[in-house]
Amino acid sequence: MSGATRSLWRFSPDERTLIAGALLNSMAFFAVLPFASLYLSDRTELSVPLIGAVVGGIALIAAVGGLFGGLLVDRSRAVRLMGMGLAANVAVYAALALVRIPEPIVPLLLLLGAVRTLVEPGTKKLLSLADTGDGRIFRVRYITLCLGAIIGPAVGAVLYNISPVAFFLVPAFLFFLYLLLLLSRSRSLNALEGPKSPAPPSSALAVSTALRDRSLLLAVGAGAVIFLVFSQVESIIPLYMRERYADRTEYLFALLLICNAVLALAVQPAIMWLSERLPRRSLVLLGSVSFTLAFVFFWLSPVHLALLYVGIVFWTLGEAILLPLPDIAVHELAVDERKGTYFGLSELRHLGFFVGPVTGGWLLTINASVYFLFMGLFVFLCVPLLLGIRGAAAGTDEDPEPVLSSESDQA
């Protein structure tokens, strides 16, 4: 990064639009999805494994379908496809609010994953195009996810106890507000993409080019590693806590997540300061070491409950440093006409959210020490992957400069 340091909170009108939309999207998403398992249990006769498969299938469809969404974004217009996706969200949530029989519930919930393939790649492409070049808008997007993770479940918990109609219609209204915001700024947002090529490359060529980009594959791999580790805090850590704290687990775990979300917001200025001063190797290592220390403190938490909350401090630091880095890498790697495809392909890293709970659960059944040792070391696999990424002439034979650079790298 070069030039004067830009304030984290100073945005262009297009950036403000996209950030506001991302906040509405995350609030709507987190108001419903954390309660999807409870809703399926209350409204259907599905077994627990099948409920898990349905909830996991939402994210799986979004991850695998992201590539197709990205291809469509590059061949069409991001705003157009996002508008279609947001309108579909409104329709699906409204249908879920009105449905009275269990049979349509599963396909409607799975449709939410398909709809995300229209919204997410386009959102990230426009964020990348609107950014001034330093990639910090993806850290701001991470902040909107944290806010959504605080506000959404709180709203969802209240609505779930009121009625299914309110539970789904309020998020539908949030998506509708996002759609109106998008349409009101459509001319300016469309201008970010510029004129479309009269003869765009075929989808097969676009995918082939992306798959040949070693740096993109490294970014996807690093993201999968980070997500596999990150998934532990919402899947396996509460199971470990239950063995120690029994009926106190729900209260203690809820408090842990609240601390995580609040800390994630609080540490952002410090993370931005560090990212502008530390070499990228040091930054990535700091994030990995923070995750490892968190696992150590979680492991030792039976000694004293306070260690659990010391662990979440280190966890939040590792999360705040590492989670945005794959998106920042893709932002710097892809040329404008390939951003949709690149961001779409990068959605495959969400597969870490599926492999993580399965691997973690299996290791925990073997031995808690084995589980914490494996996870504490596995996170370091992201280090060579992130440091091996090269940019910004993606898909070419040039030898470009490393991405994820900081001011310290260039000093």
Protein backbone atom coordinates (compact mmCIF):
# COMPACT_ATOMS: atom_id res chain seq x y z
CA MET A 1 0.00 0.00 0.00
CA SER A 2 1.26 3.41 -0.77
CA GLY A 3 0.30 6.97 -0.17
CA ALA A 4 -1.34 8.49 2.86
CA THR A 5 -3.21 6.20 5.19
CA ARG A 6 -6.93 6.36 4.55
CA SER A 7 -9.33 6.40 7.50
CA LEU A 8 -11.11 3.10 8.06
CA TRP A 9 -14.40 4.99 8.24
CA ARG A 10 -14.06 7.25 5.17
CA PHE A 11 -16.04 5.84 2.25
CA SER A 12 -17.15 6.83 -1.21
CA PRO A 13 -20.93 6.88 -1.90
CA ASP A 14 -20.66 3.53 -3.70
CA GLU A 15 -18.77 2.00 -0.77
CA ARG A 16 -21.40 3.31 1.67
CA THR A 17 -24.15 1.75 -0.43
CA LEU A 18 -22.45 -1.64 -0.55
CA ILE A 19 -21.55 -1.59 3.15
CA ALA A 20 -25.12 -0.66 4.15
CA GLY A 21 -26.43 -3.43 1.90
CA ALA A 22 -23.99 -5.92 3.39
CA LEU A 23 -25.21 -5.00 6.87
CA LEU A 24 -28.86 -5.50 5.90
CA ASN A 25 -27.94 -8.81 4.26
CA SER A 26 -26.01 -10.10 7.31
CA MET A 27 -28.76 -9.08 9.76
CA ALA A 28 -31.38 -10.90 7.68
CA PHE A 29 -29.14 -13.95 7.28
CA PHE A 30 -28.22 -14.25 10.98
CA ALA A 31 -31.82 -13.65 12.07
CA VAL A 32 -32.89 -16.94 10.48
CA LEU A 33 -30.07 -19.36 9.73
CA PRO A 34 -28.90 -19.94 13.35
CA PHE A 35 -32.47 -21.06 14.14
CA ALA A 36 -32.96 -23.21 11.02
CA SER A 37 -32.25 -26.45 12.93
CA LEU A 38 -34.82 -25.58 15.61
CA TYR A 39 -37.37 -24.63 12.96
CA LEU A 40 -36.91 -27.93 11.11
CA SER A 41 -37.16 -29.86 14.38
CA ASP A 42 -40.38 -28.08 15.34
CA ARG A 43 -42.06 -28.18 11.92
CA THR A 44 -40.94 -31.47 10.36
CA GLU A 45 -40.37 -35.11 11.32
CA LEU A 46 -36.76 -35.12 10.08
CA SER A 47 -34.12 -36.92 12.12
CA VAL A 48 -31.23 -34.99 13.64
CA PRO A 49 -28.73 -36.15 10.95
CA LEU A 50 -31.15 -35.12 8.19
CA ILE A 51 -31.71 -31.73 9.82
CA GLY A 52 -27.95 -31.28 9.90
CA ALA A 53 -27.76 -32.27 6.24
CA VAL A 54 -30.40 -29.70 5.26
CA VAL A 55 -28.76 -26.87 7.21
CA GLY A 56 -25.34 -27.84 5.90
CA GLY A 57 -26.78 -28.16 2.41
CA ILE A 58 -27.67 -24.46 2.36
CA ALA A 59 -24.03 -23.48 2.71
CA LEU A 60 -22.86 -26.34 0.47
CA ILE A 61 -25.09 -25.18 -2.40
CA ALA A 62 -23.88 -21.60 -1.90
CA ALA A 63 -20.23 -22.73 -1.91
CA VAL A 64 -20.40 -24.97 -4.97
CA GLY A 65 -22.82 -22.73 -6.84
CA GLY A 66 -20.69 -19.65 -6.22
CA LEU A 67 -18.59 -20.42 -9.30
CA PHE A 68 -21.64 -20.41 -11.55
CA GLY A 69 -22.86 -17.20 -9.96
CA GLY A 70 -19.46 -15.62 -10.54
CA LEU A 71 -19.48 -16.63 -14.19
CA LEU A 72 -22.93 -15.07 -14.63
CA VAL A 73 -21.74 -11.87 -12.95
CA ASP A 74 -18.82 -11.52 -15.37
CA ARG A 75 -21.03 -12.17 -18.41
CA SER A 76 -23.94 -10.02 -17.28
CA ARG A 77 -24.22 -7.19 -14.75
CA ALA A 78 -23.55 -7.60 -11.03
CA VAL A 79 -26.36 -5.22 -10.06
CA ARG A 80 -28.87 -7.03 -12.27
CA LEU A 81 -28.04 -10.46 -10.82
CA MET A 82 -27.90 -9.14 -7.28
CA GLY A 83 -31.33 -7.58 -7.79
CA MET A 84 -32.68 -10.92 -9.01
CA GLY A 85 -31.12 -12.68 -6.03
CA LEU A 86 -32.49 -10.19 -3.51
CA ALA A 87 -35.96 -10.37 -5.06
CA ALA A 88 -35.75 -14.17 -4.88
CA ASN A 89 -34.75 -13.89 -1.21
CA VAL A 90 -37.84 -11.80 -0.51
CA ALA A 91 -40.03 -14.36 -2.31
CA VAL A 92 -38.51 -17.41 -0.56
CA TYR A 93 -38.68 -15.86 2.91
CA ALA A 94 -42.27 -14.77 2.27
CA ALA A 95 -43.13 -18.30 1.15
CA LEU A 96 -41.59 -19.73 4.31
CA ALA A 97 -43.66 -17.28 6.37
CA LEU A 98 -46.87 -18.44 4.71
CA VAL A 99 -46.28 -22.18 4.38
CA ARG A 100 -48.50 -24.31 6.60
CA ILE A 101 -47.42 -27.85 5.67
CA PRO A 102 -43.96 -29.39 6.23
CA GLU A 103 -43.26 -30.72 2.71
CA PRO A 104 -42.18 -27.41 1.07
CA ILE A 105 -39.97 -26.31 3.98
CA VAL A 106 -36.83 -28.27 3.03
CA PRO A 107 -36.73 -27.23 -0.66
CA LEU A 108 -37.46 -23.61 0.29
CA LEU A 109 -34.60 -23.56 2.80
CA LEU A 110 -32.24 -25.14 0.25
CA LEU A 111 -33.28 -22.43 -2.22
CA LEU A 112 -31.67 -19.91 0.13
CA GLY A 113 -28.30 -21.43 -0.74
CA ALA A 114 -29.00 -21.18 -4.46
CA VAL A 115 -30.09 -17.56 -4.13
CA ARG A 116 -26.82 -16.66 -2.38
CA THR A 117 -24.96 -17.67 -5.55
CA LEU A 118 -26.59 -14.69 -7.28
CA VAL A 119 -25.84 -12.19 -4.53
CA GLU A 120 -22.43 -13.00 -3.01
CA PRO A 121 -20.11 -13.02 -6.09
CA GLY A 122 -21.68 -9.81 -7.40
CA THR A 123 -21.41 -8.14 -4.00
CA LYS A 124 -17.72 -8.98 -3.71
CA LYS A 125 -17.01 -7.91 -7.28
CA LEU A 126 -18.59 -4.50 -6.70
CA LEU A 127 -16.81 -4.14 -3.35
CA SER A 128 -13.53 -4.87 -5.10
CA LEU A 129 -14.24 -2.38 -7.89
CA ALA A 130 -15.37 0.32 -5.45
CA ASP A 131 -12.33 -0.11 -3.21
CA THR A 132 -9.49 2.38 -3.56
CA GLY A 133 -6.94 -0.40 -3.95
CA ASP A 134 -5.87 -1.26 -0.40
CA GLY A 135 -8.54 -3.94 0.14
CA ARG A 136 -9.63 -2.54 3.50
CA ILE A 137 -13.26 -2.53 2.43
CA PHE A 138 -13.21 -6.30 2.98
CA ARG A 139 -12.22 -5.70 6.59
CA VAL A 140 -15.15 -3.30 6.86
CA ARG A 141 -17.38 -5.99 5.35
CA TYR A 142 -16.12 -8.32 8.08
CA ILE A 143 -17.28 -5.70 10.60
CA THR A 144 -20.78 -5.78 9.06
CA LEU A 145 -20.79 -9.57 9.49
CA CYS A 146 -19.90 -9.11 13.17
CA LEU A 147 -22.70 -6.57 13.61
CA GLY A 148 -25.10 -8.90 11.83
CA ALA A 149 -23.99 -11.74 14.11
CA ILE A 150 -24.90 -9.59 17.13
CA ILE A 151 -28.15 -8.01 15.93
CA GLY A 152 -29.53 -10.83 13.77
CA PRO A 153 -29.73 -13.63 16.37
CA ALA A 154 -31.12 -11.23 18.99
CA VAL A 155 -33.91 -10.20 16.60
CA GLY A 156 -34.41 -13.78 15.39
CA ALA A 157 -34.76 -15.16 18.93
CA VAL A 158 -37.54 -12.67 19.68
CA LEU A 159 -39.32 -13.24 16.36
CA TYR A 160 -39.06 -17.03 16.61
CA ASN A 161 -41.05 -16.94 19.84
CA ILE A 162 -43.68 -14.62 18.34
CA SER A 163 -44.68 -16.54 15.20
CA PRO A 164 -43.23 -18.13 12.04
CA VAL A 165 -44.81 -15.35 10.02
CA ALA A 166 -42.89 -12.63 11.87
CA PHE A 167 -39.75 -14.81 11.97
CA PHE A 168 -39.51 -14.88 8.17
CA LEU A 169 -41.26 -11.67 7.10
CA VAL A 170 -38.96 -9.32 9.02
CA PRO A 171 -35.82 -10.70 7.28
CA ALA A 172 -37.75 -10.57 3.99
CA PHE A 173 -38.35 -6.87 4.64
CA LEU A 174 -34.62 -6.35 5.29
CA PHE A 175 -33.82 -7.95 1.93
CA PHE A 176 -36.47 -5.73 0.34
CA LEU A 177 -34.78 -2.64 1.82
CA TYR A 178 -31.46 -3.85 0.40
CA LEU A 179 -33.11 -4.30 -3.00
CA LEU A 180 -34.49 -0.75 -2.91
CA LEU A 181 -31.08 0.60 -1.90
CA LEU A 182 -29.41 -1.31 -4.73
CA LEU A 183 -31.90 -0.07 -7.32
CA SER A 184 -31.61 3.53 -6.11
CA ARG A 185 -27.85 3.43 -6.76
CA SER A 186 -27.91 1.12 -9.78
CA ARG A 187 -26.60 3.68 -12.29
CA SER A 188 -23.55 4.52 -10.18
CA LEU A 189 -22.87 0.86 -9.29
CA ASN A 190 -23.21 -0.22 -12.92
CA ALA A 191 -20.63 2.42 -13.84
CA LEU A 192 -18.09 0.63 -11.63
CA GLU A 193 -18.06 -2.29 -14.06
CA GLY A 194 -17.70 -0.11 -17.13
CA PRO A 195 -18.85 -1.22 -20.58
CA LYS A 196 -19.15 -4.94 -21.17
CA SER A 197 -16.97 -6.59 -23.79
CA PRO A 198 -18.95 -7.28 -26.97
CA ALA A 199 -17.35 -10.73 -27.16
CA PRO A 200 -16.67 -11.96 -23.60
CA PRO A 201 -14.61 -15.14 -23.19
CA SER A 202 -16.56 -18.37 -22.96
CA SER A 203 -17.44 -19.74 -19.55
CA ALA A 204 -15.17 -22.73 -20.14
CA LEU A 205 -12.23 -20.44 -20.91
CA ALA A 206 -12.94 -18.25 -17.88
CA VAL A 207 -13.04 -21.26 -15.56
CA SER A 208 -9.96 -22.79 -17.18
CA THR A 209 -8.05 -19.53 -16.72
CA ALA A 210 -9.09 -19.28 -13.08
CA LEU A 211 -8.16 -22.90 -12.35
CA ARG A 212 -4.71 -22.36 -13.89
CA ASP A 213 -4.08 -19.41 -11.58
CA ARG A 214 -1.94 -20.97 -8.86
CA SER A 215 -2.32 -17.93 -6.62
CA LEU A 216 -6.11 -18.13 -6.73
CA LEU A 217 -5.97 -21.81 -5.77
CA LEU A 218 -3.63 -20.94 -2.91
CA ALA A 219 -6.10 -18.28 -1.71
CA VAL A 220 -8.97 -20.81 -1.86
CA GLY A 221 -6.87 -23.37 0.00
CA ALA A 222 -5.85 -20.86 2.66
CA GLY A 223 -9.48 -19.83 3.08
CA ALA A 224 -10.55 -23.46 3.47
CA VAL A 225 -7.92 -24.01 6.18
CA ILE A 226 -8.96 -20.85 8.03
CA PHE A 227 -12.66 -21.72 7.80
CA LEU A 228 -12.02 -25.29 8.95
CA VAL A 229 -10.34 -23.93 12.07
CA PHE A 230 -12.85 -21.12 12.52
CA SER A 231 -15.79 -23.57 12.36
CA GLN A 232 -14.64 -25.18 15.61
CA VAL A 233 -15.88 -22.37 17.85
CA GLU A 234 -19.52 -22.90 16.83
CA SER A 235 -19.46 -26.69 16.45
CA ILE A 236 -16.92 -28.56 18.58
CA ILE A 237 -15.90 -26.11 21.32
CA PRO A 238 -19.47 -26.12 22.79
CA LEU A 239 -19.38 -29.94 22.86
CA TYR A 240 -16.09 -29.80 24.77
CA MET A 241 -17.66 -27.26 27.13
CA ARG A 242 -20.71 -29.45 27.72
CA GLU A 243 -18.52 -32.24 29.08
CA ARG A 244 -17.15 -29.80 31.68
CA TYR A 245 -20.02 -27.44 32.41
CA ALA A 246 -23.15 -29.56 31.73
CA ASP A 247 -26.32 -27.47 32.01
CA ARG A 248 -24.32 -24.22 32.33
CA THR A 249 -22.96 -24.67 28.79
CA GLU A 250 -25.71 -22.76 26.94
CA TYR A 251 -25.30 -19.68 29.11
CA LEU A 252 -21.50 -19.77 29.07
CA PHE A 253 -21.34 -20.39 25.34
CA ALA A 254 -23.79 -17.58 24.55
CA LEU A 255 -21.65 -15.23 26.62
CA LEU A 256 -18.56 -16.48 24.80
CA LEU A 257 -20.10 -15.65 21.39
CA ILE A 258 -21.20 -12.21 22.57
CA CYS A 259 -17.66 -11.49 23.79
CA ASN A 260 -16.32 -12.69 20.43
CA ALA A 261 -18.61 -10.42 18.42
CA VAL A 262 -18.01 -7.34 20.59
CA LEU A 263 -14.25 -7.87 20.63
CA ALA A 264 -14.22 -8.37 16.85
CA LEU A 265 -15.58 -4.85 16.46
CA ALA A 266 -13.33 -3.36 19.11
CA VAL A 267 -10.04 -4.70 17.72
CA GLN A 268 -10.54 -3.51 14.14
CA PRO A 269 -8.67 -0.19 14.52
CA ALA A 270 -5.75 -2.07 16.06
CA ILE A 271 -5.81 -4.68 13.28
CA MET A 272 -5.80 -1.95 10.63
CA TRP A 273 -2.87 -0.28 12.38
CA LEU A 274 -0.96 -3.58 12.51
CA SER A 275 -1.75 -4.44 8.87
CA GLU A 276 -0.21 -1.15 7.75
CA ARG A 277 2.99 -1.61 9.75
CA LEU A 278 3.79 -5.31 9.97
CA PRO A 279 5.27 -7.30 7.08
CA ARG A 280 2.69 -9.69 5.71
CA ARG A 281 4.63 -12.74 7.00
CA SER A 282 4.52 -11.36 10.53
CA LEU A 283 0.83 -10.50 10.22
CA VAL A 284 -0.13 -13.99 9.03
CA LEU A 285 2.03 -15.62 11.72
CA LEU A 286 0.46 -13.40 14.38
CA GLY A 287 -3.01 -14.50 13.32
CA SER A 288 -2.02 -18.19 13.32
CA VAL A 289 -0.27 -17.98 16.70
CA SER A 290 -3.36 -16.24 18.12
CA PHE A 291 -5.58 -19.15 17.05
CA THR A 292 -3.12 -21.63 18.54
CA LEU A 293 -3.03 -19.80 21.87
CA ALA A 294 -6.83 -19.73 21.85
CA PHE A 295 -6.93 -23.52 21.50
CA VAL A 296 -4.43 -23.83 24.38
CA PHE A 297 -6.60 -21.70 26.67
CA PHE A 298 -9.80 -23.53 25.61
CA TRP A 299 -8.05 -26.80 26.42
CA LEU A 300 -7.00 -25.52 29.86
CA SER A 301 -10.39 -23.95 30.66
CA PRO A 302 -11.42 -26.77 33.04
CA VAL A 303 -8.65 -25.49 35.33
CA HIS A 304 -10.46 -22.15 35.65
CA LEU A 305 -13.43 -20.76 33.77
CA ALA A 306 -11.64 -17.45 33.16
CA LEU A 307 -9.23 -19.21 30.78
CA LEU A 308 -12.14 -19.81 28.41
CA TYR A 309 -12.61 -16.06 28.03
CA VAL A 310 -8.89 -15.42 27.78
CA GLY A 311 -8.98 -17.89 24.90
CA ILE A 312 -11.75 -15.99 23.10
CA VAL A 313 -9.61 -12.84 23.17
CA PHE A 314 -6.84 -14.62 21.24
CA TRP A 315 -9.42 -16.32 19.04
CA THR A 316 -10.93 -12.97 18.06
CA LEU A 317 -7.50 -11.55 17.26
CA GLY A 318 -6.70 -14.51 14.99
CA GLU A 319 -10.12 -14.31 13.37
CA ALA A 320 -9.92 -10.56 12.75
CA ILE A 321 -6.48 -10.89 11.13
CA LEU A 322 -6.93 -14.01 9.01
CA LEU A 323 -10.59 -14.20 7.94
CA PRO A 324 -10.52 -11.20 5.54
CA LEU A 325 -7.16 -12.13 3.96
CA PRO A 326 -8.43 -14.60 1.30
CA ASP A 327 -10.96 -12.03 0.02
CA ILE A 328 -8.29 -9.33 0.03
CA ALA A 329 -6.00 -11.67 -1.93
CA VAL A 330 -8.68 -12.37 -4.56
CA HIS A 331 -9.42 -8.65 -4.77
CA GLU A 332 -5.77 -7.96 -5.61
CA LEU A 333 -5.36 -10.98 -7.90
CA ALA A 334 -8.25 -10.61 -10.33
CA VAL A 335 -8.44 -8.15 -13.19
CA ASP A 336 -11.79 -6.36 -13.36
CA GLU A 337 -13.39 -8.53 -16.05
CA ARG A 338 -12.63 -11.73 -14.08
CA LYS A 339 -13.55 -10.62 -10.56
CA GLY A 340 -16.93 -12.36 -10.61
CA THR A 341 -15.41 -15.68 -11.66
CA TYR A 342 -12.57 -15.38 -9.17
CA PHE A 343 -14.79 -14.46 -6.24
CA GLY A 344 -17.24 -17.17 -7.28
CA LEU A 345 -14.53 -19.83 -7.33
CA SER A 346 -13.22 -18.57 -3.99
CA GLU A 347 -16.57 -19.49 -2.40
CA LEU A 348 -15.33 -23.09 -2.46
CA ARG A 349 -13.31 -22.28 0.64
CA HIS A 350 -16.58 -22.50 2.58
CA LEU A 351 -16.22 -26.26 2.28
CA GLY A 352 -13.98 -25.85 5.33
CA PHE A 353 -17.19 -25.28 7.30
CA PHE A 354 -18.24 -28.85 6.42
CA VAL A 355 -14.94 -30.63 6.84
CA GLY A 356 -14.17 -28.76 10.08
CA PRO A 357 -17.02 -30.03 12.28
CA VAL A 358 -16.65 -33.60 10.97
CA THR A 359 -12.88 -33.66 11.55
CA GLY A 360 -13.12 -31.88 14.88
CA GLY A 361 -15.89 -34.14 16.15
CA TRP A 362 -13.95 -37.25 15.19
CA LEU A 363 -10.76 -36.02 16.87
CA LEU A 364 -12.62 -35.01 20.03
CA THR A 365 -14.07 -38.52 20.35
CA ILE A 366 -10.52 -39.90 20.22
CA ASN A 367 -9.03 -37.57 22.82
CA ALA A 368 -9.37 -33.89 23.73
CA SER A 369 -5.60 -33.46 23.78
CA VAL A 370 -5.31 -34.88 20.26
CA TYR A 371 -8.06 -32.55 19.08
CA PHE A 372 -6.52 -29.36 20.49
CA LEU A 373 -3.00 -30.30 19.40
CA PHE A 374 -4.14 -31.00 15.84
CA MET A 375 -6.17 -27.81 15.48
CA GLY A 376 -3.50 -25.67 17.12
CA LEU A 377 -0.95 -26.88 14.57
CA PHE A 378 -3.22 -27.25 11.53
CA VAL A 379 -3.92 -23.53 11.37
CA PHE A 380 -0.28 -22.92 10.42
CA LEU A 381 -0.97 -24.60 7.07
CA CYS A 382 -2.51 -21.30 5.96
CA VAL A 383 0.86 -19.55 6.38
CA PRO A 384 2.70 -21.00 3.34
CA LEU A 385 -0.53 -20.81 1.33
CA LEU A 386 -1.07 -17.11 2.02
CA LEU A 387 2.60 -16.22 1.64
CA GLY A 388 2.79 -18.10 -1.67
CA ILE A 389 0.11 -15.97 -3.31
CA ARG A 390 1.31 -13.81 -6.16
CA GLY A 391 -0.76 -11.10 -7.87
CA ALA A 392 -2.06 -8.96 -9.71
CA ALA A 393 -1.56 -10.25 -13.26
CA ALA A 394 -3.84 -13.17 -12.62
CA GLY A 395 -3.87 -15.79 -15.29
CA THR A 396 -0.76 -14.53 -17.03
CA ASP A 397 2.78 -15.77 -17.31
CA GLU A 398 4.22 -12.65 -15.72
CA ASP A 399 6.04 -12.79 -12.39
CA PRO A 400 4.07 -10.22 -10.45
CA GLU A 401 4.65 -8.91 -6.97
CA PRO A 402 3.30 -10.69 -3.91
CA VAL A 403 -0.16 -9.66 -2.79
CA LEU A 404 -1.25 -9.02 0.79
CA SER A 405 1.59 -6.55 1.05
CA SER A 406 1.82 -3.91 3.73
CA GLU A 407 3.64 -0.63 4.07
CA SER A 408 6.38 -2.41 5.94
CA ASP A 409 6.96 -4.68 2.93
CA GLN A 410 7.53 -1.67 0.72
CA ALA A 411 9.60 0.41 3.10
